[in-house]
């Protein structure tokens, strides 16, 4: 009996048959059930051998247990989904920047406030009132020192109205200590 998980069996059989028919290598990640009943995620790679008539006579390859990696990837996806749900559910403008000060992420509230697409905003400085360049200078001074940032400025909302915001940003660092940018929030005051 196959140890391939019943929910994956049809797909695995189809991929094996396709690889054999195309005389190509086989690669897949699927679940198997071990003899003790535990389910593991396996990455498999195989090559097929054929006789003179072109009939498949064998399959050799490797299985690598990638359960830990698959669980870590699932946990990361869940964490990302939880962060986005949280970030989009609060009434403040949430943002992250990269080490150079460019926008990496904005939440839904930020996008709605400024009437911008989340994937199109890279440069935030044009949103700041020209007379409030002290805000921009304070941000880049904090960034150069890699310290917390707090400042107020007028910004132009998507409807054209100027509004005061107060922003706070905390520096982010890699596990090795490299400065990655800021995570912050801005409140319409």
N, C-alpha and C. Protein backbone atom coordinates (compact mmCIF):
# COMPACT_ATOMS: atom_id res chain seq x y z
N UNK A 1 0.85 -1.19 0.00
CA UNK A 1 0.00 0.00 0.00
C UNK A 1 0.89 1.25 0.00
N UNK A 2 0.45 2.25 -0.70
CA UNK A 2 1.21 3.49 -0.78
C UNK A 2 1.19 4.21 0.56
N UNK A 3 2.32 4.83 0.88
CA UNK A 3 2.38 5.63 2.09
C UNK A 3 2.13 7.11 1.78
N UNK A 4 1.92 7.42 0.51
CA UNK A 4 1.60 8.80 0.14
C UNK A 4 0.24 9.14 0.75
N UNK A 5 0.15 10.32 1.35
CA UNK A 5 -1.10 10.77 1.98
C UNK A 5 -2.23 10.69 0.95
N UNK A 6 -3.39 10.18 1.35
CA UNK A 6 -4.50 10.03 0.39
C UNK A 6 -4.88 11.32 -0.33
N UNK A 7 -4.76 12.46 0.35
CA UNK A 7 -5.10 13.74 -0.28
C UNK A 7 -4.08 14.16 -1.33
N UNK A 8 -2.88 13.58 -1.30
CA UNK A 8 -1.83 13.93 -2.26
C UNK A 8 -1.63 12.87 -3.33
N UNK A 9 -2.19 11.68 -3.12
CA UNK A 9 -1.91 10.52 -3.97
C UNK A 9 -2.23 10.76 -5.45
N UNK A 10 -3.40 11.30 -5.75
CA UNK A 10 -3.78 11.52 -7.15
C UNK A 10 -2.81 12.45 -7.86
N UNK A 11 -2.43 13.54 -7.20
CA UNK A 11 -1.50 14.50 -7.79
C UNK A 11 -0.13 13.87 -8.01
N UNK A 12 0.34 13.08 -7.01
CA UNK A 12 1.65 12.43 -7.13
C UNK A 12 1.63 11.44 -8.29
N UNK A 13 0.59 10.63 -8.39
CA UNK A 13 0.50 9.66 -9.49
C UNK A 13 0.49 10.35 -10.84
N UNK A 14 -0.23 11.47 -10.94
CA UNK A 14 -0.28 12.22 -12.20
C UNK A 14 1.09 12.79 -12.55
N UNK A 15 1.79 13.35 -11.56
CA UNK A 15 3.12 13.92 -11.82
C UNK A 15 4.13 12.84 -12.22
N UNK A 16 4.05 11.68 -11.58
CA UNK A 16 4.94 10.56 -11.95
C UNK A 16 4.65 10.14 -13.39
N UNK A 17 3.37 9.96 -13.72
CA UNK A 17 3.00 9.53 -15.07
C UNK A 17 3.44 10.56 -16.12
N UNK A 18 3.27 11.82 -15.81
CA UNK A 18 3.68 12.88 -16.75
C UNK A 18 5.19 12.88 -16.94
N UNK A 19 5.94 12.77 -15.86
CA UNK A 19 7.41 12.73 -15.96
C UNK A 19 7.86 11.53 -16.78
N UNK A 20 7.22 10.38 -16.56
CA UNK A 20 7.58 9.19 -17.35
C UNK A 20 7.27 9.41 -18.83
N UNK A 21 6.08 9.92 -19.12
CA UNK A 21 5.67 10.12 -20.51
C UNK A 21 6.56 11.13 -21.21
N UNK A 22 6.99 12.16 -20.49
CA UNK A 22 7.84 13.19 -21.08
C UNK A 22 9.32 12.87 -20.98
N UNK A 23 9.62 11.74 -20.32
CA UNK A 23 11.00 11.32 -20.10
C UNK A 23 11.82 12.43 -19.43
N UNK A 24 11.18 13.03 -18.43
CA UNK A 24 11.82 14.12 -17.69
C UNK A 24 12.01 13.68 -16.24
N UNK A 25 12.75 14.46 -15.51
CA UNK A 25 12.92 14.17 -14.09
C UNK A 25 11.65 14.47 -13.33
N UNK A 26 11.52 13.84 -12.20
CA UNK A 26 10.36 14.02 -11.34
C UNK A 26 10.80 14.79 -10.10
N UNK A 27 9.99 15.77 -9.69
CA UNK A 27 10.23 16.52 -8.46
C UNK A 27 8.89 16.89 -7.86
N UNK A 28 8.75 16.68 -6.56
CA UNK A 28 7.49 17.01 -5.90
C UNK A 28 7.73 17.14 -4.41
N UNK A 29 6.82 17.83 -3.76
CA UNK A 29 6.77 17.89 -2.31
C UNK A 29 5.38 17.43 -1.92
N UNK A 30 5.31 16.39 -1.12
CA UNK A 30 4.02 15.85 -0.71
C UNK A 30 4.14 15.19 0.66
N UNK A 31 2.99 14.84 1.20
CA UNK A 31 2.96 14.21 2.52
C UNK A 31 2.97 12.69 2.37
N UNK A 32 3.62 12.05 3.35
CA UNK A 32 3.55 10.60 3.45
C UNK A 32 3.18 10.25 4.89
N UNK A 33 2.66 9.05 5.03
CA UNK A 33 2.29 8.56 6.36
C UNK A 33 3.29 7.49 6.73
N UNK A 34 4.01 7.73 7.82
CA UNK A 34 4.99 6.75 8.28
C UNK A 34 4.28 5.59 8.96
N UNK A 35 5.00 4.51 9.15
CA UNK A 35 4.43 3.30 9.75
C UNK A 35 3.81 3.56 11.12
N UNK A 36 4.33 4.55 11.85
CA UNK A 36 3.77 4.86 13.18
C UNK A 36 2.53 5.75 13.10
N UNK A 37 2.10 6.10 11.86
CA UNK A 37 0.91 6.91 11.66
C UNK A 37 1.17 8.40 11.57
N UNK A 38 2.40 8.83 11.83
CA UNK A 38 2.71 10.26 11.76
C UNK A 38 2.81 10.71 10.31
N UNK A 39 2.44 11.95 10.07
CA UNK A 39 2.46 12.52 8.71
C UNK A 39 3.71 13.39 8.58
N UNK A 40 4.45 13.19 7.51
CA UNK A 40 5.67 13.95 7.24
C UNK A 40 5.59 14.53 5.83
N UNK A 41 6.23 15.68 5.67
CA UNK A 41 6.31 16.32 4.36
C UNK A 41 7.65 15.92 3.75
N UNK A 42 7.59 15.38 2.55
CA UNK A 42 8.79 14.87 1.89
C UNK A 42 8.99 15.58 0.55
N UNK A 43 10.25 15.86 0.27
CA UNK A 43 10.61 16.37 -1.05
C UNK A 43 11.23 15.21 -1.79
N UNK A 44 10.68 14.91 -2.95
CA UNK A 44 11.19 13.76 -3.70
C UNK A 44 11.67 14.20 -5.08
N UNK A 45 12.74 13.54 -5.50
CA UNK A 45 13.31 13.76 -6.84
C UNK A 45 13.63 12.38 -7.39
N UNK A 46 13.36 12.20 -8.67
CA UNK A 46 13.62 10.88 -9.25
C UNK A 46 13.91 11.00 -10.74
N UNK A 47 14.59 9.98 -11.22
CA UNK A 47 14.84 9.79 -12.66
C UNK A 47 14.32 8.40 -13.01
N UNK A 48 13.96 8.22 -14.24
CA UNK A 48 13.42 6.95 -14.69
C UNK A 48 14.40 6.29 -15.65
N UNK A 49 14.38 4.97 -15.68
CA UNK A 49 15.17 4.22 -16.65
C UNK A 49 14.19 3.53 -17.60
N UNK A 50 14.64 3.34 -18.84
CA UNK A 50 13.78 2.78 -19.88
C UNK A 50 14.55 1.70 -20.62
N UNK A 51 13.81 0.71 -21.12
CA UNK A 51 14.47 -0.33 -21.93
C UNK A 51 14.53 0.13 -23.39
N UNK A 52 15.07 -0.75 -24.25
CA UNK A 52 15.23 -0.40 -25.67
C UNK A 52 13.91 -0.08 -26.35
N UNK A 53 12.83 -0.66 -25.86
CA UNK A 53 11.51 -0.42 -26.45
C UNK A 53 10.86 0.85 -25.92
N UNK A 54 11.53 1.51 -24.97
CA UNK A 54 10.99 2.74 -24.41
C UNK A 54 10.07 2.55 -23.23
N UNK A 55 10.02 1.31 -22.71
CA UNK A 55 9.16 1.03 -21.56
C UNK A 55 9.93 1.39 -20.29
N UNK A 56 9.25 2.06 -19.38
CA UNK A 56 9.88 2.44 -18.11
C UNK A 56 10.16 1.17 -17.31
N UNK A 57 11.42 1.00 -16.92
CA UNK A 57 11.82 -0.20 -16.18
C UNK A 57 12.20 0.10 -14.73
N UNK A 58 12.30 1.36 -14.38
CA UNK A 58 12.66 1.66 -13.00
C UNK A 58 12.63 3.14 -12.70
N UNK A 59 12.68 3.39 -11.43
CA UNK A 59 12.67 4.77 -10.94
C UNK A 59 13.63 4.82 -9.76
N UNK A 60 14.59 5.72 -9.80
CA UNK A 60 15.47 5.89 -8.65
C UNK A 60 15.54 7.35 -8.31
N UNK A 61 15.64 7.57 -7.01
CA UNK A 61 15.65 8.95 -6.57
C UNK A 61 15.85 9.07 -5.07
N UNK A 62 15.48 10.21 -4.57
CA UNK A 62 15.68 10.49 -3.15
C UNK A 62 14.41 11.05 -2.54
N UNK A 63 14.28 10.80 -1.26
CA UNK A 63 13.24 11.40 -0.42
C UNK A 63 13.98 12.16 0.67
N UNK A 64 13.62 13.40 0.91
CA UNK A 64 14.20 14.18 2.00
C UNK A 64 13.04 14.68 2.85
N UNK A 65 13.13 14.44 4.14
CA UNK A 65 12.09 14.88 5.07
C UNK A 65 12.24 16.39 5.27
N UNK A 66 11.25 17.14 4.79
CA UNK A 66 11.27 18.60 4.90
C UNK A 66 10.13 19.09 5.81
N UNK A 67 9.70 18.24 6.71
CA UNK A 67 8.58 18.58 7.59
C UNK A 67 8.86 19.84 8.38
N UNK A 68 10.04 19.94 8.97
CA UNK A 68 10.37 21.13 9.77
C UNK A 68 10.31 22.40 8.91
N UNK A 69 10.84 22.32 7.70
CA UNK A 69 10.81 23.48 6.80
C UNK A 69 9.37 23.84 6.43
N UNK A 70 8.56 22.83 6.13
CA UNK A 70 7.16 23.08 5.77
C UNK A 70 6.40 23.69 6.93
N UNK A 71 6.65 23.22 8.15
CA UNK A 71 5.99 23.79 9.32
C UNK A 71 6.44 25.23 9.55
N UNK A 72 7.72 25.50 9.36
CA UNK A 72 8.22 26.87 9.51
C UNK A 72 7.60 27.79 8.46
N UNK A 73 7.46 27.31 7.22
CA UNK A 73 6.84 28.11 6.16
C UNK A 73 5.38 28.37 6.48
N UNK A 74 4.66 27.36 7.00
CA UNK A 74 3.27 27.55 7.40
C UNK A 74 3.17 28.58 8.51
N UNK A 75 4.05 28.50 9.50
CA UNK A 75 4.04 29.44 10.61
C UNK A 75 4.32 30.86 10.12
N UNK A 76 5.24 31.00 9.17
CA UNK A 76 5.56 32.31 8.61
C UNK A 76 4.36 32.88 7.86
N UNK A 77 3.69 32.05 7.05
CA UNK A 77 2.49 32.50 6.33
C UNK A 77 1.40 32.94 7.31
N UNK A 78 1.21 32.17 8.38
CA UNK A 78 0.20 32.51 9.37
C UNK A 78 0.56 33.80 10.08
N UNK A 79 1.83 33.98 10.40
CA UNK A 79 2.29 35.20 11.06
C UNK A 79 2.08 36.41 10.15
N UNK A 80 2.39 36.26 8.88
CA UNK A 80 2.20 37.35 7.92
C UNK A 80 0.71 37.70 7.79
N UNK A 81 -0.14 36.68 7.72
CA UNK A 81 -1.59 36.92 7.63
C UNK A 81 -2.10 37.61 8.90
N UNK A 82 -1.62 37.19 10.05
CA UNK A 82 -2.02 37.81 11.33
C UNK A 82 -1.56 39.27 11.36
N UNK A 83 -0.32 39.54 10.93
CA UNK A 83 0.17 40.91 10.91
C UNK A 83 -0.68 41.78 10.00
N UNK A 84 -0.99 41.30 8.80
CA UNK A 84 -1.77 42.11 7.86
C UNK A 84 -3.18 42.36 8.39
N UNK A 85 -3.79 41.35 9.01
CA UNK A 85 -5.12 41.53 9.59
C UNK A 85 -5.07 42.58 10.70
N UNK A 86 -4.06 42.48 11.54
CA UNK A 86 -3.89 43.45 12.63
C UNK A 86 -3.62 44.85 12.07
N UNK A 87 -2.68 44.95 11.14
CA UNK A 87 -2.30 46.25 10.59
C UNK A 87 -3.47 46.91 9.86
N UNK A 88 -4.26 46.13 9.15
CA UNK A 88 -5.37 46.70 8.40
C UNK A 88 -6.59 46.97 9.29
N UNK A 89 -6.59 46.43 10.50
CA UNK A 89 -7.75 46.59 11.38
C UNK A 89 -7.65 47.75 12.35
N UNK A 90 -6.52 48.44 12.39
CA UNK A 90 -6.37 49.55 13.34
C UNK A 90 -6.62 50.88 12.64
N UNK A 91 -7.04 51.91 13.40
CA UNK A 91 -7.36 53.20 12.78
C UNK A 91 -6.18 54.14 12.61
N UNK A 92 -4.96 53.63 12.65
CA UNK A 92 -3.79 54.49 12.44
C UNK A 92 -3.12 54.10 11.13
N UNK A 93 -2.28 54.99 10.65
CA UNK A 93 -1.53 54.75 9.41
C UNK A 93 -0.26 53.99 9.80
N UNK A 94 -0.13 52.76 9.36
CA UNK A 94 1.04 51.94 9.67
C UNK A 94 1.92 51.84 8.44
N UNK A 95 3.23 51.91 8.67
CA UNK A 95 4.18 51.89 7.56
C UNK A 95 5.49 51.26 8.00
N UNK A 96 6.22 50.75 7.02
CA UNK A 96 7.60 50.33 7.24
C UNK A 96 8.44 50.92 6.11
N UNK A 97 9.70 51.18 6.45
CA UNK A 97 10.64 51.67 5.44
C UNK A 97 11.83 50.73 5.37
N UNK A 98 12.56 50.83 4.29
CA UNK A 98 13.82 50.11 4.17
C UNK A 98 14.94 50.96 4.77
N UNK A 99 16.14 50.46 4.71
CA UNK A 99 17.28 51.15 5.32
C UNK A 99 17.55 52.52 4.69
N UNK A 100 17.13 52.73 3.45
CA UNK A 100 17.35 54.01 2.78
C UNK A 100 16.19 54.99 3.00
N UNK A 101 15.13 54.54 3.67
CA UNK A 101 13.99 55.41 3.92
C UNK A 101 12.85 55.26 2.95
N UNK A 102 12.96 54.33 1.99
CA UNK A 102 11.89 54.08 1.04
C UNK A 102 10.79 53.23 1.66
N UNK A 103 9.57 53.45 1.24
CA UNK A 103 8.42 52.72 1.76
C UNK A 103 8.48 51.26 1.35
N UNK A 104 8.34 50.37 2.32
CA UNK A 104 8.24 48.93 2.05
C UNK A 104 6.80 48.45 2.17
N UNK A 105 6.08 48.98 3.17
CA UNK A 105 4.72 48.51 3.45
C UNK A 105 3.89 49.67 3.98
N UNK A 106 2.64 49.72 3.55
CA UNK A 106 1.64 50.60 4.16
C UNK A 106 0.38 49.78 4.39
N UNK A 107 -0.34 50.09 5.47
CA UNK A 107 -1.58 49.36 5.71
C UNK A 107 -2.72 49.99 4.91
N UNK A 108 -3.87 49.34 4.99
CA UNK A 108 -5.04 49.78 4.22
C UNK A 108 -5.44 51.20 4.60
N UNK A 109 -5.42 51.52 5.89
CA UNK A 109 -5.80 52.86 6.36
C UNK A 109 -4.90 53.93 5.75
N UNK A 110 -3.60 53.66 5.68
CA UNK A 110 -2.64 54.59 5.07
C UNK A 110 -2.99 54.79 3.59
N UNK A 111 -3.23 53.68 2.89
CA UNK A 111 -3.55 53.76 1.46
C UNK A 111 -4.83 54.56 1.24
N UNK A 112 -5.84 54.35 2.08
CA UNK A 112 -7.11 55.08 1.94
C UNK A 112 -6.93 56.55 2.29
N UNK A 113 -6.19 56.85 3.33
CA UNK A 113 -5.97 58.22 3.78
C UNK A 113 -5.33 59.05 2.67
N UNK A 114 -4.30 58.51 2.03
CA UNK A 114 -3.58 59.24 0.99
C UNK A 114 -4.08 58.93 -0.42
N UNK A 115 -5.04 58.01 -0.53
CA UNK A 115 -5.57 57.57 -1.82
C UNK A 115 -4.45 57.11 -2.75
N UNK A 116 -3.66 56.16 -2.25
CA UNK A 116 -2.57 55.57 -3.02
C UNK A 116 -2.72 54.05 -3.02
N UNK A 117 -2.14 53.42 -4.00
CA UNK A 117 -2.11 51.95 -4.03
C UNK A 117 -0.95 51.50 -3.16
N UNK A 118 -1.16 50.49 -2.31
CA UNK A 118 -0.09 50.03 -1.42
C UNK A 118 1.19 49.64 -2.15
N UNK A 119 1.08 49.12 -3.35
CA UNK A 119 2.27 48.66 -4.08
C UNK A 119 2.90 49.76 -4.94
N UNK A 120 2.31 50.96 -4.94
CA UNK A 120 2.84 52.01 -5.83
C UNK A 120 3.59 53.10 -5.07
N UNK A 121 3.44 53.14 -3.75
CA UNK A 121 4.07 54.22 -2.98
C UNK A 121 5.48 53.83 -2.60
N UNK A 122 6.44 54.58 -3.03
CA UNK A 122 7.84 54.33 -2.67
C UNK A 122 8.41 55.54 -1.92
N UNK A 123 8.05 56.73 -2.37
CA UNK A 123 8.60 57.96 -1.82
C UNK A 123 7.51 58.70 -1.05
N UNK A 124 7.66 58.83 0.24
CA UNK A 124 6.66 59.47 1.09
C UNK A 124 6.85 60.97 1.24
N UNK A 125 8.03 61.49 0.94
CA UNK A 125 8.32 62.90 1.17
C UNK A 125 7.35 63.86 0.45
N UNK A 126 6.90 63.56 -0.77
CA UNK A 126 5.96 64.49 -1.43
C UNK A 126 4.62 64.63 -0.70
N UNK A 127 4.30 63.74 0.23
CA UNK A 127 3.05 63.83 0.98
C UNK A 127 3.13 64.90 2.07
N UNK A 128 4.33 65.32 2.44
CA UNK A 128 4.56 66.27 3.52
C UNK A 128 4.43 67.71 3.01
N UNK A 129 3.80 68.57 3.79
CA UNK A 129 3.66 69.99 3.42
C UNK A 129 5.06 70.59 3.23
N UNK A 130 5.24 71.41 2.19
CA UNK A 130 6.57 71.99 1.92
C UNK A 130 7.15 72.79 3.09
N UNK A 131 6.29 73.40 3.90
CA UNK A 131 6.77 74.18 5.04
C UNK A 131 7.16 73.31 6.23
N UNK A 132 6.91 72.01 6.15
CA UNK A 132 7.20 71.10 7.27
C UNK A 132 8.38 70.18 6.95
N UNK A 133 9.38 70.74 6.26
CA UNK A 133 10.55 69.94 5.92
C UNK A 133 11.35 69.52 7.16
N UNK A 134 11.05 70.13 8.33
CA UNK A 134 11.70 69.71 9.57
C UNK A 134 11.35 68.25 9.88
N UNK A 135 10.16 67.83 9.48
CA UNK A 135 9.74 66.43 9.67
C UNK A 135 10.66 65.51 8.87
N UNK A 136 10.88 65.85 7.63
CA UNK A 136 11.74 65.05 6.75
C UNK A 136 13.16 65.02 7.30
N UNK A 137 13.67 66.18 7.70
CA UNK A 137 15.03 66.25 8.27
C UNK A 137 15.12 65.41 9.55
N UNK A 138 14.08 65.48 10.40
CA UNK A 138 14.08 64.70 11.65
C UNK A 138 14.09 63.20 11.35
N UNK A 139 13.34 62.80 10.33
CA UNK A 139 13.32 61.38 9.97
C UNK A 139 14.71 60.93 9.54
N UNK A 140 15.33 61.65 8.62
CA UNK A 140 16.62 61.22 8.11
C UNK A 140 17.74 61.36 9.14
N UNK A 141 17.62 62.30 10.06
CA UNK A 141 18.60 62.39 11.16
C UNK A 141 18.47 61.18 12.08
N UNK A 142 17.23 60.80 12.40
CA UNK A 142 17.01 59.61 13.23
C UNK A 142 17.51 58.37 12.50
N UNK A 143 17.25 58.31 11.21
CA UNK A 143 17.69 57.16 10.42
C UNK A 143 19.21 57.06 10.43
N UNK A 144 19.89 58.19 10.26
CA UNK A 144 21.37 58.18 10.26
C UNK A 144 21.91 57.70 11.60
N UNK A 145 21.21 58.05 12.68
CA UNK A 145 21.64 57.64 14.02
C UNK A 145 21.05 56.28 14.41
N UNK A 146 20.13 55.80 13.58
CA UNK A 146 19.46 54.52 13.81
C UNK A 146 18.76 54.48 15.17
N UNK A 147 18.02 55.56 15.44
CA UNK A 147 17.29 55.69 16.69
C UNK A 147 15.81 55.92 16.40
N UNK A 148 15.00 55.91 17.46
CA UNK A 148 13.56 56.14 17.31
C UNK A 148 13.30 57.51 16.69
N UNK A 149 12.19 57.61 15.97
CA UNK A 149 11.81 58.83 15.26
C UNK A 149 10.43 59.26 15.76
N UNK A 150 10.28 60.55 16.10
CA UNK A 150 8.99 61.13 16.48
C UNK A 150 8.94 62.53 15.89
N UNK A 151 7.85 62.83 15.16
CA UNK A 151 7.71 64.17 14.58
C UNK A 151 6.26 64.40 14.17
N UNK A 152 5.93 65.67 13.98
CA UNK A 152 4.61 66.07 13.50
C UNK A 152 4.77 66.88 12.22
N UNK A 153 3.77 66.77 11.35
CA UNK A 153 3.79 67.53 10.10
C UNK A 153 2.39 67.58 9.52
N UNK A 154 2.22 68.49 8.59
CA UNK A 154 0.99 68.51 7.79
C UNK A 154 1.22 67.63 6.58
N UNK A 155 0.18 66.89 6.22
CA UNK A 155 0.23 66.03 5.04
C UNK A 155 -1.04 66.27 4.22
N UNK A 156 -0.91 66.03 2.94
CA UNK A 156 -2.08 66.18 2.05
C UNK A 156 -2.78 64.84 1.91
N UNK A 157 -4.00 64.80 2.39
CA UNK A 157 -4.83 63.60 2.22
C UNK A 157 -5.16 63.40 0.75
N UNK A 158 -5.68 62.25 0.41
CA UNK A 158 -6.05 61.96 -0.97
C UNK A 158 -7.08 62.91 -1.53
N UNK A 159 -7.94 63.47 -0.67
CA UNK A 159 -8.97 64.41 -1.14
C UNK A 159 -8.44 65.84 -1.24
N UNK A 160 -7.13 66.04 -0.96
CA UNK A 160 -6.52 67.36 -1.09
C UNK A 160 -6.46 68.15 0.20
N UNK A 161 -7.15 67.73 1.25
CA UNK A 161 -7.15 68.45 2.51
C UNK A 161 -5.83 68.24 3.25
N UNK A 162 -5.30 69.32 3.83
CA UNK A 162 -4.10 69.23 4.64
C UNK A 162 -4.51 68.85 6.06
N UNK A 163 -3.83 67.84 6.63
CA UNK A 163 -4.12 67.35 7.98
C UNK A 163 -2.81 67.22 8.75
N UNK A 164 -2.85 67.42 10.06
CA UNK A 164 -1.68 67.22 10.91
C UNK A 164 -1.61 65.76 11.31
N UNK A 165 -0.40 65.20 11.24
CA UNK A 165 -0.16 63.84 11.73
C UNK A 165 0.99 63.87 12.72
N UNK A 166 0.97 62.91 13.61
CA UNK A 166 2.11 62.69 14.49
C UNK A 166 2.60 61.28 14.19
N UNK A 167 3.87 61.16 13.87
CA UNK A 167 4.45 59.87 13.50
C UNK A 167 5.47 59.42 14.53
N UNK A 168 5.50 58.13 14.73
CA UNK A 168 6.51 57.49 15.58
C UNK A 168 7.04 56.29 14.80
N UNK A 169 8.35 56.15 14.80
CA UNK A 169 8.97 55.01 14.13
C UNK A 169 10.05 54.41 15.00
N UNK A 170 10.13 53.10 14.97
CA UNK A 170 11.16 52.38 15.72
C UNK A 170 12.09 51.70 14.72
N UNK A 171 13.40 51.79 14.95
CA UNK A 171 14.33 51.15 14.03
C UNK A 171 14.23 49.63 14.11
N UNK A 172 14.42 49.00 12.95
CA UNK A 172 14.45 47.53 12.86
C UNK A 172 15.88 47.11 12.56
N UNK A 173 16.28 46.00 13.15
CA UNK A 173 17.62 45.48 12.93
C UNK A 173 17.54 44.00 12.60
N UNK A 174 18.45 43.53 11.76
CA UNK A 174 18.55 42.11 11.45
C UNK A 174 19.10 41.38 12.68
N UNK A 175 18.98 40.05 12.71
CA UNK A 175 19.60 39.31 13.83
C UNK A 175 21.09 39.59 13.96
N UNK A 176 21.75 39.94 12.86
CA UNK A 176 23.18 40.26 12.89
C UNK A 176 23.47 41.71 13.26
N UNK A 177 22.42 42.51 13.47
CA UNK A 177 22.60 43.89 13.88
C UNK A 177 22.57 44.93 12.78
N UNK A 178 22.34 44.52 11.53
CA UNK A 178 22.27 45.49 10.43
C UNK A 178 20.96 46.27 10.49
N UNK A 179 21.05 47.58 10.26
CA UNK A 179 19.87 48.44 10.25
C UNK A 179 19.03 48.10 9.03
N UNK A 180 17.72 47.83 9.22
CA UNK A 180 16.83 47.44 8.14
C UNK A 180 15.85 48.53 7.75
N UNK A 181 15.66 49.53 8.62
CA UNK A 181 14.67 50.57 8.35
C UNK A 181 13.80 50.77 9.58
N UNK A 182 12.59 51.25 9.34
CA UNK A 182 11.68 51.57 10.43
C UNK A 182 10.36 50.83 10.29
N UNK A 183 9.73 50.62 11.42
CA UNK A 183 8.32 50.26 11.49
C UNK A 183 7.68 51.35 12.31
N UNK A 184 6.58 51.90 11.80
CA UNK A 184 6.00 53.04 12.50
C UNK A 184 4.54 53.22 12.24
N UNK A 185 4.02 54.26 12.88
CA UNK A 185 2.64 54.60 12.73
C UNK A 185 2.48 56.10 12.75
N UNK A 186 1.44 56.57 12.07
CA UNK A 186 1.14 57.99 12.04
C UNK A 186 -0.33 58.14 12.40
N UNK A 187 -0.59 59.11 13.28
CA UNK A 187 -1.94 59.35 13.76
C UNK A 187 -2.40 60.71 13.28
N UNK A 188 -3.60 60.77 12.73
CA UNK A 188 -4.21 62.03 12.30
C UNK A 188 -4.62 62.77 13.57
N UNK A 189 -3.90 63.87 13.86
CA UNK A 189 -4.18 64.62 15.08
C UNK A 189 -4.90 65.91 14.79
